[in-house]
C-alpha atoms as a PDB file:
ATOM      1  CA  MET A   1     -15.377  -3.093   4.676  1.00  0.00           C
ATOM      2  CA  VAL A   2     -13.218  -3.096   7.674  1.00  0.00           C
ATOM      3  CA  ARG A   3     -12.775  -5.930   9.940  1.00  0.00           C
ATOM      4  CA  LYS A   4     -10.293  -4.891  11.764  1.00  0.00           C
ATOM      5  CA  MET A   5      -0.846  -1.139  11.503  1.00  0.00           C
ATOM      6  CA  HIS A   6       7.933   2.008  12.303  1.00  0.00           C
ATOM      7  CA  THR A   7       9.777   2.922   9.663  1.00  0.00           C
ATOM      8  CA  LYS A   8      10.948   6.455   8.852  1.00  0.00           C
ATOM      9  CA  THR A   9      10.233   6.289   5.164  1.00  0.00           C
ATOM     10  CA  LYS A  10       6.934   6.426   3.410  1.00  0.00           C
ATOM     11  CA  ILE A  11       5.817   3.182   1.893  1.00  0.00           C
ATOM     12  CA  GLY A  12       4.937   3.180  -1.749  1.00  0.00           C
ATOM     13  CA  LEU A  13       4.330   0.229  -4.042  1.00  0.00           C
ATOM     14  CA  ILE A  14       4.100  -0.094  -7.812  1.00  0.00           C
ATOM     15  CA  LEU A  15       2.133  -3.174  -8.796  1.00  0.00           C
ATOM     16  CA  LEU A  16       1.025  -3.512 -12.399  1.00  0.00           C
ATOM     17  CA  LEU A  17      -1.811  -5.625 -13.824  1.00  0.00           C
ATOM     18  CA  GLY A  18      -1.490  -7.081 -17.385  1.00  0.00           C
ATOM     19  CA  LEU A  19      -1.128 -10.186 -19.712  1.00  0.00           C
ATOM     20  CA  THR A  20       1.476 -13.132 -19.956  1.00  0.00           C
ATOM     21  CA  ALA A  21       3.832 -16.050 -21.041  1.00  0.00           C
ATOM     22  CA  GLY A  22       6.995 -17.388 -18.951  1.00  0.00           C
ATOM     23  CA  SER A  23       8.508 -19.455 -16.010  1.00  0.00           C
ATOM     24  CA  ALA A  24       7.100 -20.773 -12.707  1.00  0.00           C
ATOM     25  CA  ALA A  25       7.666 -21.594  -9.004  1.00  0.00           C
ATOM     26  CA  ALA A  26       5.435 -22.404  -5.995  1.00  0.00           C
ATOM     27  CA  SER A  27       4.858 -21.102  -2.453  1.00  0.00           C
ATOM     28  CA  ASP A  28       7.496 -18.393  -2.645  1.00  0.00           C
ATOM     29  CA  VAL A  29       7.772 -14.836  -1.378  1.00  0.00           C
ATOM     30  CA  ALA A  30       8.707 -11.990  -3.709  1.00  0.00           C
ATOM     31  CA  ILE A  31      10.775  -9.358  -1.882  1.00  0.00           C
ATOM     32  CA  LEU A  32      10.247  -5.980  -3.556  1.00  0.00           C
ATOM     33  CA  ARG A  33      12.748  -3.129  -3.600  1.00  0.00           C
ATOM     34  CA  ASN A  34      10.391  -0.895  -1.616  1.00  0.00           C
ATOM     35  CA  GLY A  35      10.187  -3.349   1.293  1.00  0.00           C
ATOM     36  CA  PHE A  36       6.837  -4.976   0.506  1.00  0.00           C
ATOM     37  CA  THR A  37       6.571  -8.741   0.180  1.00  0.00           C
ATOM     38  CA  ILE A  38       4.080 -10.774  -1.844  1.00  0.00           C
ATOM     39  CA  ARG A  39       3.498 -14.454  -1.146  1.00  0.00           C
ATOM     40  CA  HIS A  40       2.525 -16.360  -4.287  1.00  0.00           C
ATOM     41  CA  GLU A  41       1.828 -19.913  -5.413  1.00  0.00           C
ATOM     42  CA  ARG A  42       3.219 -19.551  -8.922  1.00  0.00           C
ATOM     43  CA  ARG A  43       4.777 -16.925 -11.172  1.00  0.00           C
ATOM     44  CA  ILE A  44       5.384 -16.388 -14.852  1.00  0.00           C
ATOM     45  CA  SER A  45       7.346 -13.711 -16.694  1.00  0.00           C
ATOM     46  CA  PHE A  46       6.282 -11.780 -19.776  1.00  0.00           C
ATOM     47  CA  GLY A  47       8.129  -8.885 -21.273  1.00  0.00           C
ATOM     48  CA  SER A  48       9.355  -6.631 -18.494  1.00  0.00           C
ATOM     49  CA  ASN A  49       6.708  -7.826 -15.995  1.00  0.00           C
ATOM     50  CA  THR A  50       6.217 -10.826 -13.714  1.00  0.00           C
ATOM     51  CA  ARG A  51       2.784 -12.188 -12.825  1.00  0.00           C
ATOM     52  CA  LEU A  52       2.432 -13.496  -9.257  1.00  0.00           C
ATOM     53  CA  TYR A  53      -0.489 -15.855  -8.671  1.00  0.00           C
ATOM     54  CA  ILE A  54      -1.642 -15.335  -5.090  1.00  0.00           C
ATOM     55  CA  SER A  55      -4.189 -18.160  -5.098  1.00  0.00           C
ATOM     56  CA  ALA A  56      -3.611 -21.831  -5.802  1.00  0.00           C
ATOM     57  CA  ASP A  57      -6.379 -21.943  -8.421  1.00  0.00           C
ATOM     58  CA  GLN A  58      -4.716 -19.036 -10.301  1.00  0.00           C
ATOM     59  CA  THR A  59      -7.864 -16.921 -10.307  1.00  0.00           C
ATOM     60  CA  SER A  60      -6.205 -14.105  -8.348  1.00  0.00           C
ATOM     61  CA  PHE A  61      -2.910 -12.492  -9.341  1.00  0.00           C
ATOM     62  CA  VAL A  62      -0.923  -9.276  -9.529  1.00  0.00           C
ATOM     63  CA  ASP A  63       1.620  -8.189 -12.139  1.00  0.00           C
ATOM     64  CA  ILE A  64       4.682  -6.166 -11.187  1.00  0.00           C
ATOM     65  CA  PRO A  65       7.716  -4.886 -13.094  1.00  0.00           C
ATOM     66  CA  THR A  66      10.407  -7.549 -12.870  1.00  0.00           C
ATOM     67  CA  ALA A  67      12.945  -4.821 -12.062  1.00  0.00           C
ATOM     68  CA  GLU A  68      10.988  -4.050  -8.866  1.00  0.00           C
ATOM     69  CA  ILE A  69      11.606  -7.587  -7.527  1.00  0.00           C
ATOM     70  CA  GLU A  70      14.779  -7.658  -5.464  1.00  0.00           C
ATOM     71  CA  ARG A  71      14.751 -11.411  -4.857  1.00  0.00           C
ATOM     72  CA  ILE A  72      12.569 -14.502  -4.475  1.00  0.00           C
ATOM     73  CA  GLU A  73      12.690 -16.553  -1.276  1.00  0.00           C
ATOM     74  CA  PRO A  74      10.905 -19.767  -0.288  1.00  0.00           C
ATOM     75  CA  ASP A  75       7.834 -19.225   1.866  1.00  0.00           C
ATOM     76  CA  LEU A  76       8.722 -20.510   5.329  1.00  0.00           C
ATOM     77  CA  THR A  77       5.382 -19.556   6.869  1.00  0.00           C
ATOM     78  CA  PRO A  78       3.947 -22.588   8.692  1.00  0.00           C
ATOM     79  CA  PRO A  79       0.677 -23.919   7.243  1.00  0.00           C
ATOM     80  CA  PRO A  80      -2.508 -22.782   8.993  1.00  0.00           C
ATOM     81  CA  GLU A  81      -3.469 -24.934  11.947  1.00  0.00           C
ATOM     82  CA  THR A  82      -6.470 -27.224  11.660  1.00  0.00           C
ATOM     83  CA  PRO A  83      -9.336 -25.769  13.707  1.00  0.00           C
ATOM     84  CA  PRO A  84      -9.832 -27.780  16.923  1.00  0.00           C
ATOM     85  CA  ASP A  85     -12.798 -30.109  17.211  1.00  0.00           C
ATOM     86  CA  PRO A  86     -15.471 -28.128  19.061  1.00  0.00           C
ATOM     87  CA  ALA A  87     -16.672 -31.335  20.725  1.00  0.00           C
ATOM     88  CA  ALA A  88     -13.269 -32.029  22.245  1.00  0.00           C
ATOM     89  CA  PRO A  89     -12.568 -30.217  25.557  1.00  0.00           C
ATOM     90  CA  ALA A  90      -9.631 -27.832  25.400  1.00  0.00           C
ATOM     91  CA  ALA A  91      -6.646 -28.890  27.486  1.00  0.00           C
ATOM     92  CA  PRO A  92      -5.864 -26.317  30.187  1.00  0.00           C
ATOM     93  CA  ALA A  93      -2.566 -24.528  29.703  1.00  0.00           C
ATOM     94  CA  PRO A  94       0.068 -24.937  32.435  1.00  0.00           C
ATOM     95  CA  ALA A  95       0.183 -22.042  34.849  1.00  0.00           C
ATOM     96  CA  SER A  96       3.840 -21.389  33.978  1.00  0.00           C
ATOM     97  CA  ALA A  97       3.325 -21.437  30.205  1.00  0.00           C
ATOM     98  CA  THR A  98       4.321 -18.292  28.358  1.00  0.00           C
ATOM     99  CA  PRO A  99       3.168 -17.440  24.834  1.00  0.00           C
ATOM    100  CA  GLY A 100       5.674 -17.865  21.997  1.00  0.00           C
ATOM    101  CA  PRO A 101       6.670 -15.052  19.666  1.00  0.00           C
ATOM    102  CA  ALA A 102       3.813 -15.792  17.243  1.00  0.00           C
ATOM    103  CA  ALA A 103       1.284 -15.346  20.034  1.00  0.00           C
ATOM    104  CA  VAL A 104       2.553 -11.917  21.040  1.00  0.00           C
ATOM    105  CA  PRO A 105       0.657  -9.214  19.130  1.00  0.00           C
ATOM    106  CA  ALA A 106       2.676  -6.423  17.570  1.00  0.00           C
ATOM    107  CA  ALA A 107       2.694  -3.245  19.620  1.00  0.00           C
ATOM    108  CA  PRO A 108       0.006  -0.973  18.140  1.00  0.00           C
ATOM    109  CA  VAL A 109       0.726   2.552  17.058  1.00  0.00           C
ATOM    110  CA  THR A 110      -0.842   4.691  19.722  1.00  0.00           C
ATOM    111  CA  ALA A 111      -2.905   7.689  18.803  1.00  0.00           C
ATOM    112  CA  PRO A 112      -4.510  10.200  21.162  1.00  0.00           C
ATOM    113  CA  VAL A 113      -8.231   9.786  21.600  1.00  0.00           C
ATOM    114  CA  GLN A 114     -10.132  13.009  21.094  1.00  0.00           C
ATOM    115  CA  SER A 115     -13.781  13.699  21.592  1.00  0.00           C
ATOM    116  CA  ALA A 116     -15.899  14.584  18.582  1.00  0.00           C
ATOM    117  CA  ALA A 117     -16.390  18.056  20.041  1.00  0.00           C
ATOM    118  CA  VAL A 118     -12.640  18.731  20.262  1.00  0.00           C
ATOM    119  CA  ARG A 119     -11.481  17.138  17.014  1.00  0.00           C
ATOM    120  CA  PRO A 120     -11.809  19.629  14.137  1.00  0.00           C
ATOM    121  CA  ARG A 121     -13.599  18.329  11.067  1.00  0.00           C
ATOM    122  CA  LEU A 122     -11.275  17.884   8.117  1.00  0.00           C
ATOM    123  CA  ASN A 123     -12.015  17.606   4.433  1.00  0.00           C
ATOM    124  CA  ILE A 124     -11.019  14.331   2.803  1.00  0.00           C
ATOM    125  CA  PRO A 125      -7.711  15.469   1.209  1.00  0.00           C
ATOM    126  CA  ASP A 126      -6.528  16.957   4.513  1.00  0.00           C
ATOM    127  CA  ALA A 127      -7.617  13.864   6.427  1.00  0.00           C
ATOM    128  CA  VAL A 128      -5.670  11.622   4.039  1.00  0.00           C
ATOM    129  CA  SER A 129      -2.616  13.873   4.140  1.00  0.00           C
ATOM    130  CA  GLN A 130      -2.484  13.928   7.955  1.00  0.00           C
ATOM    131  CA  ALA A 131      -3.000  10.164   8.303  1.00  0.00           C
ATOM    132  CA  SER A 132      -0.377   9.510   5.622  1.00  0.00           C
ATOM    133  CA  GLU A 133       2.192  11.551   7.534  1.00  0.00           C
ATOM    134  CA  ARG A 134       1.278  10.084  10.923  1.00  0.00           C
ATOM    135  CA  TYR A 135       1.406   6.417   9.900  1.00  0.00           C
ATOM    136  CA  ARG A 136       3.938   6.660   7.041  1.00  0.00           C
ATOM    137  CA  LEU A 137       1.717   5.237   4.313  1.00  0.00           C
ATOM    138  CA  ASP A 138       1.468   6.453   0.737  1.00  0.00           C
ATOM    139  CA  PRO A 139      -1.525   8.821   0.374  1.00  0.00           C
ATOM    140  CA  ASP A 140      -2.291   7.279  -3.030  1.00  0.00           C
ATOM    141  CA  LEU A 141      -2.699   3.902  -1.324  1.00  0.00           C
ATOM    142  CA  LEU A 142      -5.084   5.409   1.228  1.00  0.00           C
ATOM    143  CA  ASN A 143      -7.130   7.078  -1.513  1.00  0.00           C
ATOM    144  CA  SER A 144      -7.348   3.767  -3.386  1.00  0.00           C
ATOM    145  CA  VAL A 145      -8.618   2.025  -0.239  1.00  0.00           C
ATOM    146  CA  ILE A 146     -11.186   4.778   0.401  1.00  0.00           C
ATOM    147  CA  ARG A 147     -12.350   4.571  -3.193  1.00  0.00           C
ATOM    148  CA  ALA A 148     -12.930   0.805  -2.888  1.00  0.00           C
ATOM    149  CA  GLU A 149     -14.496   1.033   0.566  1.00  0.00           C
ATOM    150  CA  SER A 150     -16.932   3.923   0.299  1.00  0.00           C
ATOM    151  CA  GLY A 151     -16.480   5.732  -3.006  1.00  0.00           C
ATOM    152  CA  PHE A 152     -15.397   8.789  -0.930  1.00  0.00           C
ATOM    153  CA  ASN A 153     -18.796   8.992   0.784  1.00  0.00           C
ATOM    154  CA  PRO A 154     -18.174   9.918   4.464  1.00  0.00           C
ATOM    155  CA  HIS A 155     -21.731   8.848   5.379  1.00  0.00           C
ATOM    156  CA  ALA A 156     -21.593   5.399   3.706  1.00  0.00           C
ATOM    157  CA  VAL A 157     -22.982   2.464   5.705  1.00  0.00           C
ATOM    158  CA  SER A 158     -22.630  -1.123   4.491  1.00  0.00           C
ATOM    159  CA  ARG A 159     -25.180  -3.902   4.891  1.00  0.00           C
ATOM    160  CA  LYS A 160     -23.051  -5.301   7.725  1.00  0.00           C
ATOM    161  CA  GLY A 161     -22.866  -1.962   9.501  1.00  0.00           C
ATOM    162  CA  ALA A 162     -19.410  -0.713   8.485  1.00  0.00           C
ATOM    163  CA  GLN A 163     -19.346   3.087   8.546  1.00  0.00           C
ATOM    164  CA  GLY A 164     -17.675   6.064   6.933  1.00  0.00           C
ATOM    165  CA  LEU A 165     -14.886   6.588   4.409  1.00  0.00           C
ATOM    166  CA  MET A 166     -12.792   3.549   5.378  1.00  0.00           C
ATOM    167  CA  GLN A 167     -15.811   1.481   6.481  1.00  0.00           C
ATOM    168  CA  LEU A 168     -15.013   0.888  10.128  1.00  0.00           C
ATOM    169  CA  MET A 169     -17.166  -1.598  11.995  1.00  0.00           C
ATOM    170  CA  PRO A 170     -18.446  -0.086  15.282  1.00  0.00           C
ATOM    171  CA  GLU A 171     -16.370  -2.461  17.450  1.00  0.00           C
ATOM    172  CA  THR A 172     -13.249  -1.775  15.375  1.00  0.00           C
ATOM    173  CA  ALA A 173     -13.820   1.974  15.578  1.00  0.00           C
ATOM    174  CA  SER A 174     -14.167   1.689  19.354  1.00  0.00           C
ATOM    175  CA  LYS A 175     -10.888  -0.239  19.685  1.00  0.00           C
ATOM    176  CA  LEU A 176      -9.118   2.347  17.523  1.00  0.00           C
ATOM    177  CA  GLY A 177     -10.445   5.230  19.609  1.00  0.00           C
ATOM    178  CA  VAL A 178     -12.643   6.655  16.851  1.00  0.00           C
ATOM    179  CA  PRO A 179     -15.542   8.497  18.548  1.00  0.00           C
ATOM    180  CA  ASN A 180     -17.446   9.272  15.354  1.00  0.00           C
ATOM    181  CA  ALA A 181     -16.942   7.048  12.295  1.00  0.00           C
ATOM    182  CA  PHE A 182     -18.720   9.594  10.096  1.00  0.00           C
ATOM    183  CA  ASP A 183     -16.122  12.274  10.851  1.00  0.00           C
ATOM    184  CA  PRO A 184     -13.675  12.124   7.888  1.00  0.00           C
ATOM    185  CA  GLY A 185     -10.626  12.982   9.979  1.00  0.00           C
ATOM    186  CA  ALA A 186     -11.344  10.452  12.727  1.00  0.00           C
ATOM    187  CA  ASN A 187     -12.387   7.711  10.296  1.00  0.00           C
ATOM    188  CA  VAL A 188      -9.355   8.027   8.010  1.00  0.00           C
ATOM    189  CA  ASP A 189      -7.004   8.230  10.981  1.00  0.00           C
ATOM    190  CA  GLY A 190      -8.476   5.055  12.491  1.00  0.00           C
ATOM    191  CA  GLY A 191      -8.612   3.173   9.186  1.00  0.00           C
ATOM    192  CA  THR A 192      -5.034   4.117   8.299  1.00  0.00           C
ATOM    193  CA  ARG A 193      -3.803   3.086  11.713  1.00  0.00           C
ATOM    194  CA  TYR A 194      -5.535  -0.269  11.311  1.00  0.00           C
ATOM    195  CA  LEU A 195      -4.085  -0.786   7.824  1.00  0.00           C
ATOM    196  CA  ARG A 196      -0.623   0.005   9.182  1.00  0.00           C
ATOM    197  CA  GLU A 197      -1.112  -2.578  11.936  1.00  0.00           C
ATOM    198  CA  LEU A 198      -2.080  -5.179   9.340  1.00  0.00           C
ATOM    199  CA  LEU A 199       0.935  -4.387   7.167  1.00  0.00           C
ATOM    200  CA  GLU A 200       3.233  -4.842  10.148  1.00  0.00           C
ATOM    201  CA  ARG A 201       1.414  -8.028  11.122  1.00  0.00           C
ATOM    202  CA  TYR A 202       1.992  -9.552   7.666  1.00  0.00           C
ATOM    203  CA  ASN A 203       5.549  -8.232   7.189  1.00  0.00           C
ATOM    204  CA  PHE A 204       4.343  -5.570   4.740  1.00  0.00           C
ATOM    205  CA  ASP A 205       2.734  -8.086   2.411  1.00  0.00           C
ATOM    206  CA  LEU A 206       0.276  -5.616   0.898  1.00  0.00           C
ATOM    207  CA  VAL A 207      -1.975  -8.280  -0.640  1.00  0.00           C
ATOM    208  CA  LYS A 208      -2.431 -10.083   2.697  1.00  0.00           C
ATOM    209  CA  ALA A 209      -2.966  -6.804   4.551  1.00  0.00           C
ATOM    210  CA  LEU A 210      -5.686  -5.700   2.128  1.00  0.00           C
ATOM    211  CA  ALA A 211      -7.342  -9.125   2.273  1.00  0.00           C
ATOM    212  CA  ALA A 212      -7.356  -8.926   6.076  1.00  0.00           C
ATOM    213  CA  TYR A 213      -8.790  -5.411   5.961  1.00  0.00           C
ATOM    214  CA  ASN A 214     -11.663  -6.761   3.875  1.00  0.00           C
ATOM    215  CA  ALA A 215     -12.280 -10.263   5.241  1.00  0.00           C
ATOM    216  CA  GLY A 216     -10.573 -10.101   8.631  1.00  0.00           C
ATOM    217  CA  PRO A 217      -7.224 -11.469   9.859  1.00  0.00           C
ATOM    218  CA  LYS A 218      -8.814 -14.730  11.017  1.00  0.00           C
ATOM    219  CA  ARG A 219      -9.811 -15.626   7.462  1.00  0.00           C
ATOM    220  CA  VAL A 220      -6.373 -14.725   6.079  1.00  0.00           C
ATOM    221  CA  GLU A 221      -4.702 -16.905   8.698  1.00  0.00           C
ATOM    222  CA  GLN A 222      -7.237 -19.681   8.202  1.00  0.00           C
ATOM    223  CA  TYR A 223      -6.441 -19.929   4.475  1.00  0.00           C
ATOM    224  CA  GLY A 224      -2.775 -18.942   4.701  1.00  0.00           C
ATOM    225  CA  GLY A 225      -3.354 -15.977   2.389  1.00  0.00           C
ATOM    226  CA  VAL A 226      -6.188 -14.372   0.439  1.00  0.00           C
ATOM    227  CA  PRO A 227      -9.451 -16.183   1.298  1.00  0.00           C
ATOM    228  CA  PRO A 228     -11.289 -17.854  -1.616  1.00  0.00           C
ATOM    229  CA  TYR A 229     -14.035 -15.230  -1.603  1.00  0.00           C
ATOM    230  CA  TYR A 230     -14.887 -13.446  -4.827  1.00  0.00           C
ATOM    231  CA  GLU A 231     -15.595 -10.194  -2.977  1.00  0.00           C
ATOM    232  CA  THR A 232     -12.198 -10.194  -1.236  1.00  0.00           C
ATOM    233  CA  ARG A 233     -10.230 -11.071  -4.371  1.00  0.00           C
ATOM    234  CA  ALA A 234     -12.039  -8.436  -6.414  1.00  0.00           C
ATOM    235  CA  TYR A 235     -11.470  -5.915  -3.608  1.00  0.00           C
ATOM    236  CA  VAL A 236      -7.710  -6.525  -3.475  1.00  0.00           C
ATOM    237  CA  ALA A 237      -7.361  -6.442  -7.277  1.00  0.00           C
ATOM    238  CA  SER A 238      -9.385  -3.213  -7.474  1.00  0.00           C
ATOM    239  CA  ILE A 239      -7.163  -1.378  -4.993  1.00  0.00           C
ATOM    240  CA  VAL A 240      -3.933  -2.637  -6.559  1.00  0.00           C
ATOM    241  CA  ARG A 241      -5.135  -1.646 -10.028  1.00  0.00           C
ATOM    242  CA  ASP A 242      -6.193   1.847  -8.941  1.00  0.00           C
ATOM    243  CA  PHE A 243      -2.973   2.394  -6.976  1.00  0.00           C
ATOM    244  CA  ASN A 244      -0.852   1.275  -9.950  1.00  0.00           C
ATOM    245  CA  ARG A 245      -2.729   3.592 -12.306  1.00  0.00           C
ATOM    246  CA  LYS A 246      -1.845   6.582 -10.142  1.00  0.00           C
ATOM    247  CA  LYS A 247       1.803   5.595  -9.837  1.00  0.00           C
ATOM    248  CA  LEU A 248       2.181   5.002 -13.562  1.00  0.00           C
ATOM    249  CA  ALA A 249       0.610   8.391 -14.289  1.00  0.00           C
ATOM    250  CA  GLN A 250       3.063  10.016 -11.867  1.00  0.00           C
ATOM    251  CA  GLN A 251       6.010   8.253 -13.516  1.00  0.00           C
ATOM    252  CA  LYS A 252       4.923   9.398 -16.968  1.00  0.00           C
ATOM    253  CA  ALA A 253       4.459  12.968 -15.759  1.00  0.00           C
ATOM    254  CA  ALA A 254       7.902  12.931 -14.124  1.00  0.00           C
ATOM    255  CA  LYS A 255       9.553  11.627 -17.299  1.00  0.00           C
ATOM    256  CA  ALA A 256       7.748  14.214 -19.401  1.00  0.00           C
ATOM    257  CA  GLY A 257       8.880  16.938 -17.009  1.00  0.00           C
ATOM    258  CA  GLN A 258      12.496  15.793 -17.258  1.00  0.00           C
ATOM    259  CA  ALA A 259      12.374  15.561 -21.054  1.00  0.00           C
ATOM    260  CA  ALA A 260      10.971  19.076 -21.566  1.00  0.00           C
ATOM    261  CA  PRO A 261      13.990  21.057 -20.199  1.00  0.00           C
ATOM    262  CA  ALA A 262      16.393  18.799 -22.108  1.00  0.00           C
ATOM    263  CA  LYS A 263      14.523  19.462 -25.345  1.00  0.00           C
ATOM    264  CA  VAL A 264      14.585  23.208 -24.769  1.00  0.00           C
ATOM    265  CA  ALA A 265      18.330  23.062 -24.101  1.00  0.00           C
ATOM    266  CA  THR A 266      19.064  21.175 -27.340  1.00  0.00           C
ATOM    267  CA  ASN A 267      16.966  23.615 -29.366  1.00  0.00           C
ATOM    268  CA  LYS A 268      18.944  26.633 -28.199  1.00  0.00           C
ATOM    269  CA  LYS A 269      21.471  27.860 -30.778  1.00  0.00           C
ATOM    270  CA  PRO A 270      24.893  28.860 -29.496  1.00  0.00           C
ATOM    271  CA  ALA A 271      25.511  32.589 -29.622  1.00  0.00           C
ATOM    272  CA  SER A 272      27.640  33.497 -32.663  1.00  0.00           C
ATOM    273  CA  ARG A 273      30.962  35.002 -31.978  1.00  0.00           C
ATOM    274  CA  THR A 274      31.656  38.220 -33.929  1.00  0.00           C
ATOM    275  CA  ALA A 275      35.135  39.575 -34.327  1.00  0.00           C
ATOM    276  CA  THR A 276      35.605  42.929 -32.745  1.00  0.00           C
ATOM    277  CA  THR A 277      38.283  45.379 -33.677  1.00  0.00           C
ATOM    278  CA  THR A 278      39.613  47.997 -31.412  1.00  0.00           C
ATOM    279  CA  LYS A 279      40.582  51.257 -32.972  1.00  0.00           C
ATOM    280  CA  HIS A 280      43.769  52.621 -31.527  1.00  0.00           C
ATOM    281  CA  PRO A 281      44.430  56.361 -31.866  1.00  0.00           C
ATOM    282  CA  ALA A 282      47.180  57.272 -34.337  1.00  0.00           C
ATOM    283  CA  PRO A 283      50.500  58.063 -32.714  1.00  0.00           C
ATOM    284  CA  PRO A 284      51.266  61.803 -32.491  1.00  0.00           C
ATOM    285  CA  THR A 285      53.508  63.195 -35.200  1.00  0.00           C
ATOM    286  CA  GLY A 286      56.217  65.599 -34.388  1.00  0.00           C
ATOM    287  CA  ASN A 287      56.512  68.987 -36.267  1.00  0.00           C
END
């Protein structure tokens, strides 16, 4: 469900889910080679993978290949502010006060608003392909989100009223300029734009961005990470698992494709060289 997205390269992430044994740290940020970051409370290594616990109670985690981690840095994100007492009157801000950097929202990626009559209806693969190109996000990631959100049903409606393939709430769809949430092209474009905004908002921390897509940015900021909701944690894990499965399958296919020509080359026998003799005509004999 949605609750409420420039780089020139497409963003792809390989996160793997598995089993463990290893070493630990707390409140750190894993910087991945592809540019994503993952904030975690603890980590342990096992084999060629590292498990990052993204919740303090260790009930939510992701496993990634250790080789994909470029470095680990301490998490310098300030703790979430305590909600103000509703009974206490809010102090008026000075007229000359200007918002700090954290209060300035990131500039959204603008997209032209088209009416439902003008926008051509796209099938789901074409809708995903166009949104992937426009917002520079991996199409496999978008397909994994759609699978978790609606099961690829363009007419899906949740109990809370979220609509379409990427489950846009009506107010979110309106803000994103989506005239018809049941139109696959418009819905995927709006949902992808929103996901891109969330990734930029959380410095490309995919786990936080997905949690915010499901539970809303306010909840992510309230808890300083993935909220302690079973639905949200299961949602994030489901998308990561599905995305990883596709990437691993692609890696295996690529390796198999590289191995096949090499095998054919080694099986070829070198052409045998046969000695050739040239017959020269006998010299003329004089009479």
